[in-house]
Amino acid sequence: NEIFNSAKKIYPLRKAEVEKTKVLKTPENLGKQVESSNISSG
């Protein structure tokens, strides 16, 4: 039961990671990502 509960916590995170990598792989978003990281770094 504890394993199931921890899996329930982990799964949404995994899913979010997958979505993130999908987004990062698209070229236009890659450009945006670079821009935003440059802005945040000053």
PDB file of N, CA and C in Angstrom:
ATOM      1  N   ASN A   1       0.834  -1.212   0.000  1.00  0.00           N
ATOM      2  CA  ASN A   1       0.000   0.000   0.000  1.00  0.00           C
ATOM      3  C   ASN A   1       0.864   1.256   0.000  1.00  0.00           C
ATOM      4  N   GLU A   2       1.942   1.235   0.793  1.00  0.00           N
ATOM      5  CA  GLU A   2       2.834   2.396   0.817  1.00  0.00           C
ATOM      6  C   GLU A   2       3.496   2.603  -0.539  1.00  0.00           C
ATOM      7  N   ILE A   3       3.862   1.496  -1.166  1.00  0.00           N
ATOM      8  CA  ILE A   3       4.468   1.574  -2.498  1.00  0.00           C
ATOM      9  C   ILE A   3       3.506   2.241  -3.466  1.00  0.00           C
ATOM     10  N   PHE A   4       2.247   1.838  -3.378  1.00  0.00           N
ATOM     11  CA  PHE A   4       1.231   2.410  -4.258  1.00  0.00           C
ATOM     12  C   PHE A   4       1.099   3.907  -4.031  1.00  0.00           C
ATOM     13  N   ASN A   5       1.124   4.327  -2.764  1.00  0.00           N
ATOM     14  CA  ASN A   5       0.993   5.745  -2.446  1.00  0.00           C
ATOM     15  C   ASN A   5       2.176   6.552  -2.976  1.00  0.00           C
ATOM     16  N   SER A   6       3.378   6.027  -2.804  1.00  0.00           N
ATOM     17  CA  SER A   6       4.551   6.736  -3.305  1.00  0.00           C
ATOM     18  C   SER A   6       4.547   6.772  -4.828  1.00  0.00           C
ATOM     19  N   ALA A   7       4.062   5.689  -5.437  1.00  0.00           N
ATOM     20  CA  ALA A   7       3.968   5.656  -6.897  1.00  0.00           C
ATOM     21  C   ALA A   7       2.987   6.715  -7.380  1.00  0.00           C
ATOM     22  N   LYS A   8       1.911   6.885  -6.625  1.00  0.00           N
ATOM     23  CA  LYS A   8       0.907   7.888  -6.978  1.00  0.00           C
ATOM     24  C   LYS A   8       1.521   9.283  -6.940  1.00  0.00           C
ATOM     25  N   LYS A   9       2.452   9.497  -6.001  1.00  0.00           N
ATOM     26  CA  LYS A   9       3.123  10.797  -5.913  1.00  0.00           C
ATOM     27  C   LYS A   9       4.111  10.976  -7.060  1.00  0.00           C
ATOM     28  N   ILE A  10       4.842   9.912  -7.357  1.00  0.00           N
ATOM     29  CA  ILE A  10       5.909   9.985  -8.360  1.00  0.00           C
ATOM     30  C   ILE A  10       5.355  10.104  -9.769  1.00  0.00           C
ATOM     31  N   TYR A  11       4.287   9.365 -10.053  1.00  0.00           N
ATOM     32  CA  TYR A  11       3.785   9.305 -11.427  1.00  0.00           C
ATOM     33  C   TYR A  11       3.480  10.664 -12.048  1.00  0.00           C
ATOM     34  N   PRO A  12       2.743  11.545 -11.368  1.00  0.00           N
ATOM     35  CA  PRO A  12       2.471  12.862 -11.961  1.00  0.00           C
ATOM     36  C   PRO A  12       3.760  13.631 -12.265  1.00  0.00           C
ATOM     37  N   LEU A  13       4.754  13.476 -11.407  1.00  0.00           N
ATOM     38  CA  LEU A  13       6.034  14.141 -11.638  1.00  0.00           C
ATOM     39  C   LEU A  13       6.687  13.615 -12.905  1.00  0.00           C
ATOM     40  N   ARG A  14       6.680  12.286 -13.040  1.00  0.00           N
ATOM     41  CA  ARG A  14       7.235  11.660 -14.239  1.00  0.00           C
ATOM     42  C   ARG A  14       6.540  12.202 -15.476  1.00  0.00           C
ATOM     43  N   LYS A  15       5.218  12.258 -15.399  1.00  0.00           N
ATOM     44  CA  LYS A  15       4.417  12.713 -16.523  1.00  0.00           C
ATOM     45  C   LYS A  15       4.792  14.151 -16.875  1.00  0.00           C
ATOM     46  N   ALA A  16       4.968  14.977 -15.858  1.00  0.00           N
ATOM     47  CA  ALA A  16       5.343  16.371 -16.063  1.00  0.00           C
ATOM     48  C   ALA A  16       6.712  16.455 -16.728  1.00  0.00           C
ATOM     49  N   GLU A  17       7.634  15.613 -16.278  1.00  0.00           N
ATOM     50  CA  GLU A  17       8.972  15.583 -16.877  1.00  0.00           C
ATOM     51  C   GLU A  17       8.894  15.249 -18.359  1.00  0.00           C
ATOM     52  N   VAL A  18       8.078  14.248 -18.687  1.00  0.00           N
ATOM     53  CA  VAL A  18       7.928  13.835 -20.085  1.00  0.00           C
ATOM     54  C   VAL A  18       7.371  14.980 -20.912  1.00  0.00           C
ATOM     55  N   GLU A  19       6.343  15.645 -20.386  1.00  0.00           N
ATOM     56  CA  GLU A  19       5.747  16.787 -21.091  1.00  0.00           C
ATOM     57  C   GLU A  19       6.803  17.863 -21.303  1.00  0.00           C
ATOM     58  N   LYS A  20       7.602  18.100 -20.269  1.00  0.00           N
ATOM     59  CA  LYS A  20       8.632  19.130 -20.344  1.00  0.00           C
ATOM     60  C   LYS A  20       9.628  18.818 -21.448  1.00  0.00           C
ATOM     61  N   THR A  21      10.092  17.566 -21.500  1.00  0.00           N
ATOM     62  CA  THR A  21      11.079  17.203 -22.511  1.00  0.00           C
ATOM     63  C   THR A  21      10.484  17.299 -23.908  1.00  0.00           C
ATOM     64  N   LYS A  22       9.203  16.954 -24.042  1.00  0.00           N
ATOM     65  CA  LYS A  22       8.538  17.083 -25.343  1.00  0.00           C
ATOM     66  C   LYS A  22       8.534  18.539 -25.776  1.00  0.00           C
ATOM     67  N   VAL A  23       8.213  19.411 -24.836  1.00  0.00           N
ATOM     68  CA  VAL A  23       8.156  20.846 -25.124  1.00  0.00           C
ATOM     69  C   VAL A  23       9.546  21.360 -25.486  1.00  0.00           C
ATOM     70  N   LEU A  24      10.548  20.922 -24.738  1.00  0.00           N
ATOM     71  CA  LEU A  24      11.915  21.387 -24.970  1.00  0.00           C
ATOM     72  C   LEU A  24      12.442  20.950 -26.329  1.00  0.00           C
ATOM     73  N   LYS A  25      11.942  19.811 -26.813  1.00  0.00           N
ATOM     74  CA  LYS A  25      12.461  19.287 -28.072  1.00  0.00           C
ATOM     75  C   LYS A  25      11.949  20.046 -29.289  1.00  0.00           C
ATOM     76  N   THR A  26      10.850  20.784 -29.150  1.00  0.00           N
ATOM     77  CA  THR A  26      10.353  21.542 -30.298  1.00  0.00           C
ATOM     78  C   THR A  26      11.223  22.783 -30.486  1.00  0.00           C
ATOM     79  N   PRO A  27      11.691  23.036 -31.699  1.00  0.00           N
ATOM     80  CA  PRO A  27      12.680  24.090 -31.974  1.00  0.00           C
ATOM     81  C   PRO A  27      12.251  25.473 -31.498  1.00  0.00           C
ATOM     82  N   GLU A  28      10.988  25.848 -31.732  1.00  0.00           N
ATOM     83  CA  GLU A  28      10.567  27.199 -31.359  1.00  0.00           C
ATOM     84  C   GLU A  28      10.610  27.384 -29.853  1.00  0.00           C
ATOM     85  N   ASN A  29      10.245  26.329 -29.112  1.00  0.00           N
ATOM     86  CA  ASN A  29      10.304  26.410 -27.664  1.00  0.00           C
ATOM     87  C   ASN A  29      11.744  26.394 -27.171  1.00  0.00           C
ATOM     88  N   LEU A  30      12.613  25.745 -27.912  1.00  0.00           N
ATOM     89  CA  LEU A  30      14.024  25.730 -27.569  1.00  0.00           C
ATOM     90  C   LEU A  30      14.557  27.164 -27.580  1.00  0.00           C
ATOM     91  N   GLY A  31      14.174  27.922 -28.594  1.00  0.00           N
ATOM     92  CA  GLY A  31      14.569  29.323 -28.679  1.00  0.00           C
ATOM     93  C   GLY A  31      14.049  30.125 -27.506  1.00  0.00           C
ATOM     94  N   LYS A  32      12.781  29.912 -27.174  1.00  0.00           N
ATOM     95  CA  LYS A  32      12.184  30.614 -26.040  1.00  0.00           C
ATOM     96  C   LYS A  32      12.914  30.268 -24.754  1.00  0.00           C
ATOM     97  N   GLN A  33      13.249  28.991 -24.609  1.00  0.00           N
ATOM     98  CA  GLN A  33      13.917  28.515 -23.406  1.00  0.00           C
ATOM     99  C   GLN A  33      15.252  29.235 -23.227  1.00  0.00           C
ATOM    100  N   VAL A  34      16.003  29.348 -24.318  1.00  0.00           N
ATOM    101  CA  VAL A  34      17.306  30.011 -24.273  1.00  0.00           C
ATOM    102  C   VAL A  34      17.132  31.480 -23.908  1.00  0.00           C
ATOM    103  N   GLU A  35      16.165  32.133 -24.547  1.00  0.00           N
ATOM    104  CA  GLU A  35      15.894  33.539 -24.254  1.00  0.00           C
ATOM    105  C   GLU A  35      15.577  33.747 -22.784  1.00  0.00           C
ATOM    106  N   SER A  36      14.644  32.952 -22.270  1.00  0.00           N
ATOM    107  CA  SER A  36      14.204  33.132 -20.888  1.00  0.00           C
ATOM    108  C   SER A  36      15.344  32.848 -19.905  1.00  0.00           C
ATOM    109  N   SER A  37      16.197  31.882 -20.225  1.00  0.00           N
ATOM    110  CA  SER A  37      17.301  31.582 -19.322  1.00  0.00           C
ATOM    111  C   SER A  37      18.323  32.718 -19.346  1.00  0.00           C
ATOM    112  N   ASN A  38      18.501  33.349 -20.503  1.00  0.00           N
ATOM    113  CA  ASN A  38      19.398  34.493 -20.590  1.00  0.00           C
ATOM    114  C   ASN A  38      18.859  35.669 -19.787  1.00  0.00           C
ATOM    115  N   ILE A  39      17.553  35.889 -19.878  1.00  0.00           N
ATOM    116  CA  ILE A  39      16.916  36.980 -19.145  1.00  0.00           C
ATOM    117  C   ILE A  39      17.048  36.742 -17.640  1.00  0.00           C
ATOM    118  N   SER A  40      16.773  35.527 -17.194  1.00  0.00           N
ATOM    119  CA  SER A  40      16.788  35.233 -15.762  1.00  0.00           C
ATOM    120  C   SER A  40      18.209  35.308 -15.197  1.00  0.00           C
ATOM    121  N   SER A  41      19.215  35.015 -16.025  1.00  0.00           N
ATOM    122  CA  SER A  41      20.591  35.073 -15.544  1.00  0.00           C
ATOM    123  C   SER A  41      21.118  36.508 -15.528  1.00  0.00           C
ATOM    124  N   GLY A  42      20.356  37.436 -16.088  1.00  0.00           N
ATOM    125  CA  GLY A  42      20.746  38.832 -16.041  1.00  0.00           C
ATOM    126  C   GLY A  42      21.372  39.242 -17.328  1.00  0.00           C
TER     127      GLY A  42
END
